[in-house]
N, C-alpha and C. Protein backbone atom coordinates (compact mmCIF):
# COMPACT_ATOMS: atom_id res chain seq x y z
N UNK A 1 0.84 -1.19 0.00
CA UNK A 1 0.00 0.00 0.00
C UNK A 1 0.88 1.23 0.00
N UNK A 2 0.48 2.22 -0.81
CA UNK A 2 1.25 3.45 -0.78
C UNK A 2 0.78 4.32 0.38
N UNK A 3 1.56 5.32 0.72
CA UNK A 3 1.33 6.15 1.90
C UNK A 3 -0.02 6.87 1.82
N UNK A 4 -0.36 7.38 0.67
CA UNK A 4 -1.64 8.10 0.53
C UNK A 4 -2.82 7.16 0.75
N UNK A 5 -2.72 5.95 0.23
CA UNK A 5 -3.80 4.96 0.40
C UNK A 5 -3.94 4.58 1.87
N UNK A 6 -2.81 4.38 2.54
CA UNK A 6 -2.83 4.04 3.96
C UNK A 6 -3.48 5.17 4.76
N UNK A 7 -3.08 6.39 4.46
CA UNK A 7 -3.63 7.55 5.17
C UNK A 7 -5.14 7.68 4.93
N UNK A 8 -5.56 7.48 3.69
CA UNK A 8 -7.00 7.55 3.36
C UNK A 8 -7.79 6.48 4.09
N UNK A 9 -7.28 5.26 4.06
CA UNK A 9 -7.95 4.15 4.73
C UNK A 9 -8.04 4.39 6.22
N UNK A 10 -6.95 4.84 6.81
CA UNK A 10 -6.95 5.12 8.25
C UNK A 10 -7.96 6.21 8.59
N UNK A 11 -7.97 7.29 7.83
CA UNK A 11 -8.91 8.39 8.07
C UNK A 11 -10.34 7.90 7.96
N UNK A 12 -10.61 7.10 6.96
CA UNK A 12 -11.96 6.56 6.78
C UNK A 12 -12.35 5.67 7.96
N UNK A 13 -11.46 4.80 8.37
CA UNK A 13 -11.74 3.92 9.52
C UNK A 13 -11.96 4.74 10.79
N UNK A 14 -11.15 5.76 10.97
CA UNK A 14 -11.26 6.62 12.15
C UNK A 14 -12.62 7.32 12.17
N UNK A 15 -12.97 7.93 11.06
CA UNK A 15 -14.22 8.69 10.99
C UNK A 15 -15.46 7.79 11.12
N UNK A 16 -15.39 6.59 10.55
CA UNK A 16 -16.54 5.69 10.58
C UNK A 16 -16.69 4.94 11.91
N UNK A 17 -15.61 4.79 12.65
CA UNK A 17 -15.65 3.89 13.80
C UNK A 17 -15.36 4.52 15.16
N UNK A 18 -14.84 5.75 15.20
CA UNK A 18 -14.45 6.33 16.49
C UNK A 18 -15.63 6.37 17.46
N UNK A 19 -16.74 6.93 17.03
CA UNK A 19 -17.90 7.07 17.92
C UNK A 19 -18.44 5.71 18.32
N UNK A 20 -18.54 4.79 17.36
CA UNK A 20 -19.04 3.44 17.66
C UNK A 20 -18.16 2.75 18.71
N UNK A 21 -16.84 2.86 18.52
CA UNK A 21 -15.92 2.24 19.48
C UNK A 21 -16.01 2.91 20.84
N UNK A 22 -16.12 4.23 20.84
CA UNK A 22 -16.21 4.96 22.11
C UNK A 22 -17.45 4.50 22.89
N UNK A 23 -18.59 4.44 22.23
CA UNK A 23 -19.83 4.02 22.89
C UNK A 23 -19.69 2.58 23.38
N UNK A 24 -19.12 1.73 22.57
CA UNK A 24 -18.92 0.33 22.93
C UNK A 24 -18.05 0.21 24.18
N UNK A 25 -16.93 0.90 24.20
CA UNK A 25 -16.00 0.84 25.33
C UNK A 25 -16.63 1.50 26.56
N UNK A 26 -17.31 2.63 26.34
CA UNK A 26 -17.93 3.32 27.48
C UNK A 26 -18.97 2.44 28.16
N UNK A 27 -19.73 1.69 27.39
CA UNK A 27 -20.73 0.79 27.97
C UNK A 27 -20.09 -0.27 28.87
N UNK A 28 -18.89 -0.68 28.50
CA UNK A 28 -18.21 -1.70 29.29
C UNK A 28 -17.56 -1.10 30.55
N UNK A 29 -17.00 0.09 30.44
CA UNK A 29 -16.23 0.67 31.54
C UNK A 29 -16.98 1.72 32.36
N UNK A 30 -17.96 2.36 31.72
CA UNK A 30 -18.70 3.45 32.34
C UNK A 30 -17.78 4.55 32.86
N UNK A 31 -16.76 4.86 32.07
CA UNK A 31 -15.80 5.90 32.41
C UNK A 31 -15.40 6.60 31.11
N UNK A 32 -15.82 7.87 30.98
CA UNK A 32 -15.60 8.59 29.73
C UNK A 32 -14.11 8.74 29.39
N UNK A 33 -13.32 9.15 30.38
CA UNK A 33 -11.90 9.36 30.12
C UNK A 33 -11.20 8.05 29.74
N UNK A 34 -11.50 7.00 30.46
CA UNK A 34 -10.91 5.69 30.19
C UNK A 34 -11.33 5.21 28.80
N UNK A 35 -12.59 5.39 28.45
CA UNK A 35 -13.09 4.98 27.13
C UNK A 35 -12.36 5.76 26.03
N UNK A 36 -12.22 7.06 26.23
CA UNK A 36 -11.53 7.89 25.24
C UNK A 36 -10.07 7.45 25.09
N UNK A 37 -9.40 7.16 26.22
CA UNK A 37 -8.01 6.71 26.18
C UNK A 37 -7.87 5.39 25.42
N UNK A 38 -8.79 4.48 25.66
CA UNK A 38 -8.71 3.17 25.01
C UNK A 38 -8.94 3.31 23.51
N UNK A 39 -9.93 4.10 23.12
CA UNK A 39 -10.19 4.29 21.68
C UNK A 39 -8.98 4.95 21.02
N UNK A 40 -8.38 5.91 21.71
CA UNK A 40 -7.18 6.55 21.17
C UNK A 40 -6.06 5.53 21.01
N UNK A 41 -5.92 4.66 21.99
CA UNK A 41 -4.89 3.61 21.93
C UNK A 41 -5.14 2.65 20.77
N UNK A 42 -6.41 2.33 20.54
CA UNK A 42 -6.76 1.44 19.42
C UNK A 42 -6.29 2.05 18.10
N UNK A 43 -6.59 3.32 17.91
CA UNK A 43 -6.23 3.95 16.64
C UNK A 43 -4.73 4.22 16.54
N UNK A 44 -4.09 4.47 17.65
CA UNK A 44 -2.63 4.63 17.63
C UNK A 44 -1.98 3.31 17.23
N UNK A 45 -2.43 2.21 17.83
CA UNK A 45 -1.91 0.89 17.47
C UNK A 45 -2.18 0.57 16.00
N UNK A 46 -3.38 0.90 15.55
CA UNK A 46 -3.73 0.65 14.16
C UNK A 46 -2.79 1.43 13.23
N UNK A 47 -2.57 2.70 13.53
CA UNK A 47 -1.71 3.52 12.68
C UNK A 47 -0.29 2.95 12.62
N UNK A 48 0.21 2.53 13.78
CA UNK A 48 1.57 1.99 13.83
C UNK A 48 1.71 0.68 13.07
N UNK A 49 0.63 -0.09 12.98
CA UNK A 49 0.69 -1.40 12.32
C UNK A 49 0.08 -1.40 10.92
N UNK A 50 -0.49 -0.29 10.53
CA UNK A 50 -1.30 -0.21 9.32
C UNK A 50 -0.58 -0.75 8.08
N UNK A 51 0.67 -0.44 7.93
CA UNK A 51 1.38 -0.82 6.71
C UNK A 51 1.53 -2.33 6.56
N UNK A 52 1.79 -3.05 7.66
CA UNK A 52 2.01 -4.49 7.56
C UNK A 52 0.87 -5.33 8.08
N UNK A 53 -0.26 -4.69 8.37
CA UNK A 53 -1.38 -5.39 8.98
C UNK A 53 -2.13 -6.23 7.96
N UNK A 54 -2.37 -7.49 8.33
CA UNK A 54 -3.16 -8.37 7.47
C UNK A 54 -4.47 -8.66 8.19
N UNK A 55 -5.54 -8.07 7.72
CA UNK A 55 -6.86 -8.24 8.33
C UNK A 55 -7.52 -9.44 7.67
N UNK A 56 -7.95 -10.41 8.51
CA UNK A 56 -8.54 -11.63 7.97
C UNK A 56 -10.04 -11.50 7.73
N UNK A 57 -10.73 -10.72 8.55
CA UNK A 57 -12.18 -10.59 8.38
C UNK A 57 -12.52 -9.18 7.89
N UNK A 58 -12.55 -8.24 8.79
CA UNK A 58 -12.81 -6.86 8.41
C UNK A 58 -12.09 -5.94 9.38
N UNK A 59 -11.85 -4.72 8.93
CA UNK A 59 -11.21 -3.75 9.81
C UNK A 59 -12.09 -3.48 11.03
N UNK A 60 -13.39 -3.42 10.81
CA UNK A 60 -14.29 -3.15 11.93
C UNK A 60 -14.21 -4.27 12.97
N UNK A 61 -14.18 -5.51 12.53
CA UNK A 61 -14.05 -6.63 13.47
C UNK A 61 -12.72 -6.53 14.20
N UNK A 62 -11.65 -6.16 13.49
CA UNK A 62 -10.34 -5.99 14.11
C UNK A 62 -10.39 -4.90 15.18
N UNK A 63 -11.03 -3.78 14.87
CA UNK A 63 -11.11 -2.66 15.82
C UNK A 63 -11.90 -3.05 17.07
N UNK A 64 -13.01 -3.73 16.89
CA UNK A 64 -13.83 -4.11 18.04
C UNK A 64 -13.16 -5.22 18.87
N UNK A 65 -12.43 -6.10 18.21
CA UNK A 65 -11.68 -7.11 18.95
C UNK A 65 -10.56 -6.44 19.75
N UNK A 66 -9.91 -5.45 19.15
CA UNK A 66 -8.88 -4.69 19.87
C UNK A 66 -9.48 -3.99 21.07
N UNK A 67 -10.68 -3.41 20.89
CA UNK A 67 -11.35 -2.72 22.00
C UNK A 67 -11.63 -3.71 23.13
N UNK A 68 -12.16 -4.85 22.78
CA UNK A 68 -12.47 -5.87 23.80
C UNK A 68 -11.21 -6.28 24.55
N UNK A 69 -10.13 -6.54 23.81
CA UNK A 69 -8.89 -6.97 24.45
C UNK A 69 -8.32 -5.90 25.36
N UNK A 70 -8.34 -4.66 24.92
CA UNK A 70 -7.81 -3.57 25.75
C UNK A 70 -8.66 -3.37 26.99
N UNK A 71 -9.97 -3.47 26.85
CA UNK A 71 -10.86 -3.33 28.01
C UNK A 71 -10.60 -4.45 29.01
N UNK A 72 -10.47 -5.67 28.51
CA UNK A 72 -10.20 -6.81 29.40
C UNK A 72 -8.87 -6.60 30.12
N UNK A 73 -7.84 -6.18 29.39
CA UNK A 73 -6.54 -5.94 30.01
C UNK A 73 -6.63 -4.82 31.05
N UNK A 74 -7.33 -3.76 30.72
CA UNK A 74 -7.47 -2.63 31.65
C UNK A 74 -8.21 -3.05 32.90
N UNK A 75 -9.30 -3.81 32.72
CA UNK A 75 -10.08 -4.27 33.88
C UNK A 75 -9.25 -5.22 34.74
N UNK A 76 -8.48 -6.09 34.09
CA UNK A 76 -7.65 -7.03 34.85
C UNK A 76 -6.59 -6.28 35.64
N UNK A 77 -5.95 -5.29 35.01
CA UNK A 77 -4.91 -4.56 35.73
C UNK A 77 -5.51 -3.73 36.86
N UNK A 78 -6.70 -3.18 36.66
CA UNK A 78 -7.36 -2.43 37.72
C UNK A 78 -7.74 -3.37 38.87
N UNK A 79 -8.20 -4.57 38.51
CA UNK A 79 -8.58 -5.56 39.52
C UNK A 79 -7.36 -5.97 40.34
N UNK A 80 -6.25 -6.20 39.64
CA UNK A 80 -5.01 -6.55 40.33
C UNK A 80 -4.59 -5.41 41.25
N UNK A 81 -4.69 -4.18 40.76
CA UNK A 81 -4.34 -3.02 41.57
C UNK A 81 -5.20 -2.92 42.82
N UNK A 82 -6.50 -3.13 42.67
CA UNK A 82 -7.40 -3.08 43.83
C UNK A 82 -7.08 -4.19 44.82
N UNK A 83 -6.81 -5.39 44.31
CA UNK A 83 -6.47 -6.50 45.18
C UNK A 83 -5.18 -6.21 45.94
N UNK A 84 -4.20 -5.63 45.26
CA UNK A 84 -2.93 -5.30 45.90
C UNK A 84 -3.13 -4.23 46.98
N UNK A 85 -3.92 -3.20 46.65
CA UNK A 85 -4.22 -2.15 47.64
C UNK A 85 -4.92 -2.76 48.85
N UNK A 86 -5.89 -3.63 48.58
CA UNK A 86 -6.61 -4.30 49.67
C UNK A 86 -5.65 -5.13 50.51
N UNK A 87 -4.76 -5.84 49.84
CA UNK A 87 -3.77 -6.64 50.55
C UNK A 87 -2.90 -5.75 51.45
N UNK A 88 -2.43 -4.64 50.89
CA UNK A 88 -1.57 -3.75 51.67
C UNK A 88 -2.31 -3.16 52.87
N UNK A 89 -3.57 -2.82 52.67
CA UNK A 89 -4.36 -2.28 53.78
C UNK A 89 -4.45 -3.26 54.93
N UNK A 90 -4.64 -4.52 54.59
CA UNK A 90 -4.83 -5.52 55.64
C UNK A 90 -3.53 -6.17 56.11
N UNK A 91 -2.55 -6.28 55.24
CA UNK A 91 -1.32 -6.98 55.59
C UNK A 91 -0.31 -6.06 56.28
N UNK A 92 -0.27 -4.81 55.88
CA UNK A 92 0.75 -3.90 56.43
C UNK A 92 0.71 -3.83 57.95
N UNK A 93 -0.45 -3.64 58.59
CA UNK A 93 -0.44 -3.59 60.05
C UNK A 93 0.01 -4.91 60.68
N UNK A 94 -0.34 -6.04 60.06
CA UNK A 94 0.01 -7.34 60.61
C UNK A 94 1.52 -7.55 60.55
N UNK A 95 2.13 -7.24 59.40
CA UNK A 95 3.54 -7.48 59.23
C UNK A 95 4.40 -6.32 59.70
N UNK A 96 3.77 -5.17 59.89
CA UNK A 96 4.47 -3.98 60.34
C UNK A 96 5.72 -3.74 59.49
N UNK A 97 5.51 -3.50 58.21
CA UNK A 97 6.59 -3.33 57.26
C UNK A 97 7.37 -2.06 57.59
N UNK A 98 8.65 -2.20 57.61
CA UNK A 98 9.54 -1.08 57.91
C UNK A 98 9.75 -0.27 56.63
N UNK A 99 9.95 1.05 56.77
CA UNK A 99 10.16 1.90 55.59
C UNK A 99 11.33 1.43 54.72
N UNK A 100 12.41 0.94 55.33
CA UNK A 100 13.54 0.49 54.53
C UNK A 100 13.19 -0.76 53.71
N UNK A 101 12.28 -1.59 54.23
CA UNK A 101 11.83 -2.76 53.48
C UNK A 101 11.02 -2.33 52.26
N UNK A 102 10.16 -1.33 52.43
CA UNK A 102 9.39 -0.81 51.29
C UNK A 102 10.32 -0.22 50.24
N UNK A 103 11.32 0.49 50.71
CA UNK A 103 12.28 1.08 49.78
C UNK A 103 13.02 -0.02 49.01
N UNK A 104 13.43 -1.08 49.72
CA UNK A 104 14.10 -2.19 49.05
C UNK A 104 13.18 -2.87 48.05
N UNK A 105 11.89 -3.02 48.42
CA UNK A 105 10.92 -3.62 47.50
C UNK A 105 10.79 -2.81 46.23
N UNK A 106 10.67 -1.49 46.37
CA UNK A 106 10.56 -0.61 45.20
C UNK A 106 11.82 -0.69 44.35
N UNK A 107 12.96 -0.69 44.99
CA UNK A 107 14.22 -0.77 44.26
C UNK A 107 14.35 -2.11 43.55
N UNK A 108 13.94 -3.18 44.21
CA UNK A 108 13.97 -4.51 43.60
C UNK A 108 13.07 -4.53 42.36
N UNK A 109 11.86 -4.00 42.49
CA UNK A 109 10.93 -3.95 41.35
C UNK A 109 11.55 -3.15 40.20
N UNK A 110 12.20 -2.04 40.52
CA UNK A 110 12.84 -1.22 39.48
C UNK A 110 13.99 -1.98 38.82
N UNK A 111 14.76 -2.70 39.60
CA UNK A 111 15.87 -3.48 39.04
C UNK A 111 15.35 -4.59 38.12
N UNK A 112 14.25 -5.20 38.50
CA UNK A 112 13.65 -6.24 37.65
C UNK A 112 13.18 -5.62 36.34
N UNK A 113 12.52 -4.46 36.44
CA UNK A 113 12.07 -3.76 35.23
C UNK A 113 13.27 -3.39 34.35
N UNK A 114 14.35 -2.94 34.96
CA UNK A 114 15.57 -2.62 34.20
C UNK A 114 16.12 -3.86 33.51
N UNK A 115 16.08 -4.99 34.21
CA UNK A 115 16.56 -6.24 33.61
C UNK A 115 15.73 -6.62 32.39
N UNK A 116 14.44 -6.41 32.47
CA UNK A 116 13.56 -6.69 31.32
C UNK A 116 13.92 -5.76 30.17
N UNK A 117 14.16 -4.49 30.48
CA UNK A 117 14.50 -3.52 29.43
C UNK A 117 15.84 -3.84 28.77
N UNK A 118 16.75 -4.52 29.47
CA UNK A 118 18.06 -4.85 28.92
C UNK A 118 18.06 -6.14 28.09
N UNK A 119 16.93 -6.83 28.08
CA UNK A 119 16.84 -8.00 27.21
C UNK A 119 16.98 -7.55 25.76
N UNK A 120 17.38 -8.44 24.86
CA UNK A 120 17.38 -8.07 23.43
C UNK A 120 15.98 -7.54 23.04
N UNK A 121 15.96 -6.57 22.17
CA UNK A 121 14.73 -5.84 21.82
C UNK A 121 13.56 -6.77 21.50
N UNK A 122 13.75 -7.70 20.61
CA UNK A 122 12.66 -8.59 20.19
C UNK A 122 12.21 -9.49 21.35
N UNK A 123 13.18 -9.97 22.13
CA UNK A 123 12.87 -10.83 23.27
C UNK A 123 12.06 -10.05 24.30
N UNK A 124 12.46 -8.82 24.57
CA UNK A 124 11.74 -7.98 25.54
C UNK A 124 10.32 -7.71 25.04
N UNK A 125 10.18 -7.43 23.75
CA UNK A 125 8.86 -7.17 23.17
C UNK A 125 7.95 -8.38 23.35
N UNK A 126 8.44 -9.55 23.02
CA UNK A 126 7.66 -10.78 23.14
C UNK A 126 7.32 -11.04 24.60
N UNK A 127 8.30 -10.87 25.48
CA UNK A 127 8.08 -11.10 26.91
C UNK A 127 7.00 -10.16 27.46
N UNK A 128 7.07 -8.89 27.11
CA UNK A 128 6.08 -7.91 27.60
C UNK A 128 4.69 -8.23 27.07
N UNK A 129 4.60 -8.61 25.80
CA UNK A 129 3.28 -8.96 25.25
C UNK A 129 2.69 -10.16 25.98
N UNK A 130 3.53 -11.09 26.34
CA UNK A 130 3.06 -12.28 27.05
C UNK A 130 2.69 -11.95 28.49
N UNK A 131 3.57 -11.25 29.19
CA UNK A 131 3.37 -11.06 30.62
C UNK A 131 2.55 -9.82 30.97
N UNK A 132 2.73 -8.72 30.27
CA UNK A 132 2.02 -7.49 30.61
C UNK A 132 0.66 -7.41 29.91
N UNK A 133 0.61 -7.89 28.67
CA UNK A 133 -0.64 -7.79 27.91
C UNK A 133 -1.44 -9.10 27.94
N UNK A 134 -0.90 -10.12 28.59
CA UNK A 134 -1.52 -11.44 28.70
C UNK A 134 -1.93 -12.00 27.33
N UNK A 135 -1.08 -11.81 26.35
CA UNK A 135 -1.35 -12.32 25.01
C UNK A 135 -0.86 -13.76 24.92
N UNK A 136 -1.57 -14.56 24.16
CA UNK A 136 -1.18 -15.96 23.98
C UNK A 136 0.01 -16.03 23.01
N UNK A 137 0.71 -17.17 23.05
CA UNK A 137 1.84 -17.36 22.14
C UNK A 137 1.38 -17.24 20.69
N UNK A 138 0.19 -17.80 20.41
CA UNK A 138 -0.34 -17.76 19.05
C UNK A 138 -0.63 -16.32 18.62
N UNK A 139 -1.25 -15.54 19.50
CA UNK A 139 -1.54 -14.13 19.17
C UNK A 139 -0.26 -13.36 18.89
N UNK A 140 0.74 -13.57 19.72
CA UNK A 140 2.02 -12.88 19.53
C UNK A 140 2.66 -13.31 18.22
N UNK A 141 2.64 -14.60 17.97
CA UNK A 141 3.24 -15.12 16.73
C UNK A 141 2.58 -14.51 15.50
N UNK A 142 1.27 -14.45 15.49
CA UNK A 142 0.55 -13.88 14.34
C UNK A 142 0.88 -12.40 14.19
N UNK A 143 0.85 -11.66 15.31
CA UNK A 143 1.09 -10.22 15.25
C UNK A 143 2.50 -9.91 14.75
N UNK A 144 3.49 -10.66 15.22
CA UNK A 144 4.87 -10.38 14.87
C UNK A 144 5.34 -11.17 13.64
N UNK A 145 4.43 -11.98 13.10
CA UNK A 145 4.71 -12.77 11.91
C UNK A 145 5.92 -13.68 12.11
N UNK A 146 5.89 -14.40 13.23
CA UNK A 146 6.91 -15.39 13.55
C UNK A 146 6.20 -16.66 13.98
N UNK A 147 6.95 -17.74 14.14
CA UNK A 147 6.30 -19.00 14.52
C UNK A 147 5.99 -18.99 16.02
N UNK A 148 5.00 -19.78 16.37
CA UNK A 148 4.63 -19.93 17.77
C UNK A 148 5.79 -20.53 18.55
N UNK A 149 6.54 -21.41 17.93
CA UNK A 149 7.71 -22.03 18.57
C UNK A 149 8.77 -20.97 18.89
N UNK A 150 8.94 -20.00 18.00
CA UNK A 150 9.89 -18.92 18.25
C UNK A 150 9.46 -18.10 19.45
N UNK A 151 8.16 -17.85 19.56
CA UNK A 151 7.64 -17.11 20.71
C UNK A 151 7.94 -17.88 22.00
N UNK A 152 7.64 -19.19 21.99
CA UNK A 152 7.90 -20.02 23.18
C UNK A 152 9.38 -19.97 23.56
N UNK A 153 10.24 -20.09 22.58
CA UNK A 153 11.69 -20.10 22.83
C UNK A 153 12.15 -18.75 23.38
N UNK A 154 11.62 -17.66 22.84
CA UNK A 154 12.00 -16.33 23.31
C UNK A 154 11.55 -16.11 24.75
N UNK A 155 10.36 -16.56 25.10
CA UNK A 155 9.85 -16.45 26.48
C UNK A 155 10.73 -17.28 27.40
N UNK A 156 11.05 -18.51 27.00
CA UNK A 156 11.90 -19.38 27.79
C UNK A 156 13.26 -18.71 28.03
N UNK A 157 13.85 -18.18 26.96
CA UNK A 157 15.16 -17.52 27.07
C UNK A 157 15.08 -16.30 27.98
N UNK A 158 14.01 -15.51 27.84
CA UNK A 158 13.85 -14.32 28.68
C UNK A 158 13.75 -14.72 30.14
N UNK A 159 12.96 -15.73 30.44
CA UNK A 159 12.81 -16.18 31.83
C UNK A 159 14.13 -16.71 32.38
N UNK A 160 14.90 -17.40 31.56
CA UNK A 160 16.19 -17.92 32.00
C UNK A 160 17.12 -16.76 32.36
N UNK A 161 17.21 -15.77 31.50
CA UNK A 161 18.06 -14.60 31.75
C UNK A 161 17.58 -13.86 32.99
N UNK A 162 16.27 -13.63 33.08
CA UNK A 162 15.72 -12.87 34.20
C UNK A 162 15.90 -13.60 35.53
N UNK A 163 15.75 -14.91 35.54
CA UNK A 163 15.95 -15.67 36.79
C UNK A 163 17.36 -15.47 37.33
N UNK A 164 18.35 -15.52 36.44
CA UNK A 164 19.74 -15.33 36.86
C UNK A 164 19.94 -13.92 37.42
N UNK A 165 19.42 -12.93 36.71
CA UNK A 165 19.59 -11.55 37.15
C UNK A 165 18.85 -11.29 38.45
N UNK A 166 17.66 -11.85 38.57
CA UNK A 166 16.86 -11.63 39.77
C UNK A 166 17.53 -12.27 40.98
N UNK A 167 18.11 -13.46 40.80
CA UNK A 167 18.84 -14.09 41.91
C UNK A 167 19.96 -13.17 42.40
N UNK A 168 20.71 -12.62 41.47
CA UNK A 168 21.81 -11.72 41.82
C UNK A 168 21.29 -10.47 42.51
N UNK A 169 20.24 -9.90 41.96
CA UNK A 169 19.64 -8.69 42.54
C UNK A 169 19.11 -9.00 43.93
N UNK A 170 18.44 -10.13 44.09
CA UNK A 170 17.85 -10.50 45.37
C UNK A 170 18.94 -10.68 46.43
N UNK A 171 20.02 -11.35 46.05
CA UNK A 171 21.14 -11.53 46.99
C UNK A 171 21.69 -10.19 47.41
N UNK A 172 21.85 -9.28 46.49
CA UNK A 172 22.37 -7.95 46.79
C UNK A 172 21.47 -7.20 47.76
N UNK A 173 20.16 -7.27 47.57
CA UNK A 173 19.23 -6.49 48.38
C UNK A 173 18.89 -7.12 49.72
N UNK A 174 18.95 -8.42 49.82
CA UNK A 174 18.45 -9.07 51.03
C UNK A 174 19.49 -9.86 51.82
N UNK A 175 20.77 -9.69 51.50
CA UNK A 175 21.82 -10.35 52.28
C UNK A 175 22.85 -9.37 52.74
């Protein structure tokens, strides 16, 4: 596709589907700002992938599937956040966590995030899609146009590297 055709198609999809997607997402989340953010993310992702995107059914089906997946991910992450907050509310007084322990926990989390960022680019991308976006190996393989076996191998390699780094980090922080 040439650039003008891509731009025209994107503009058409945006104009025909923005309101429909917004209403669809808003009905699920009942939050205007969150719905607007998700729809914006859908179109940003579409624009970034537009050139190499292979749509099997229709663009509209792709957009609504993207909306569903993003809403599910957002709800799951919010649920995890609420559960963690609830845990902290109830567990903190029982364990009487010291400020230096919280600081070490934050630093450990940052070091783990840094270790993920230092993975080879493609490996980090695959790992994040699997762990942060809860995407299946098959979904990742299709999106990145690689084999499912390659995705499995990259996840395995990432976990192997991260386990070694985390052991070292953990020893440094807790011994």
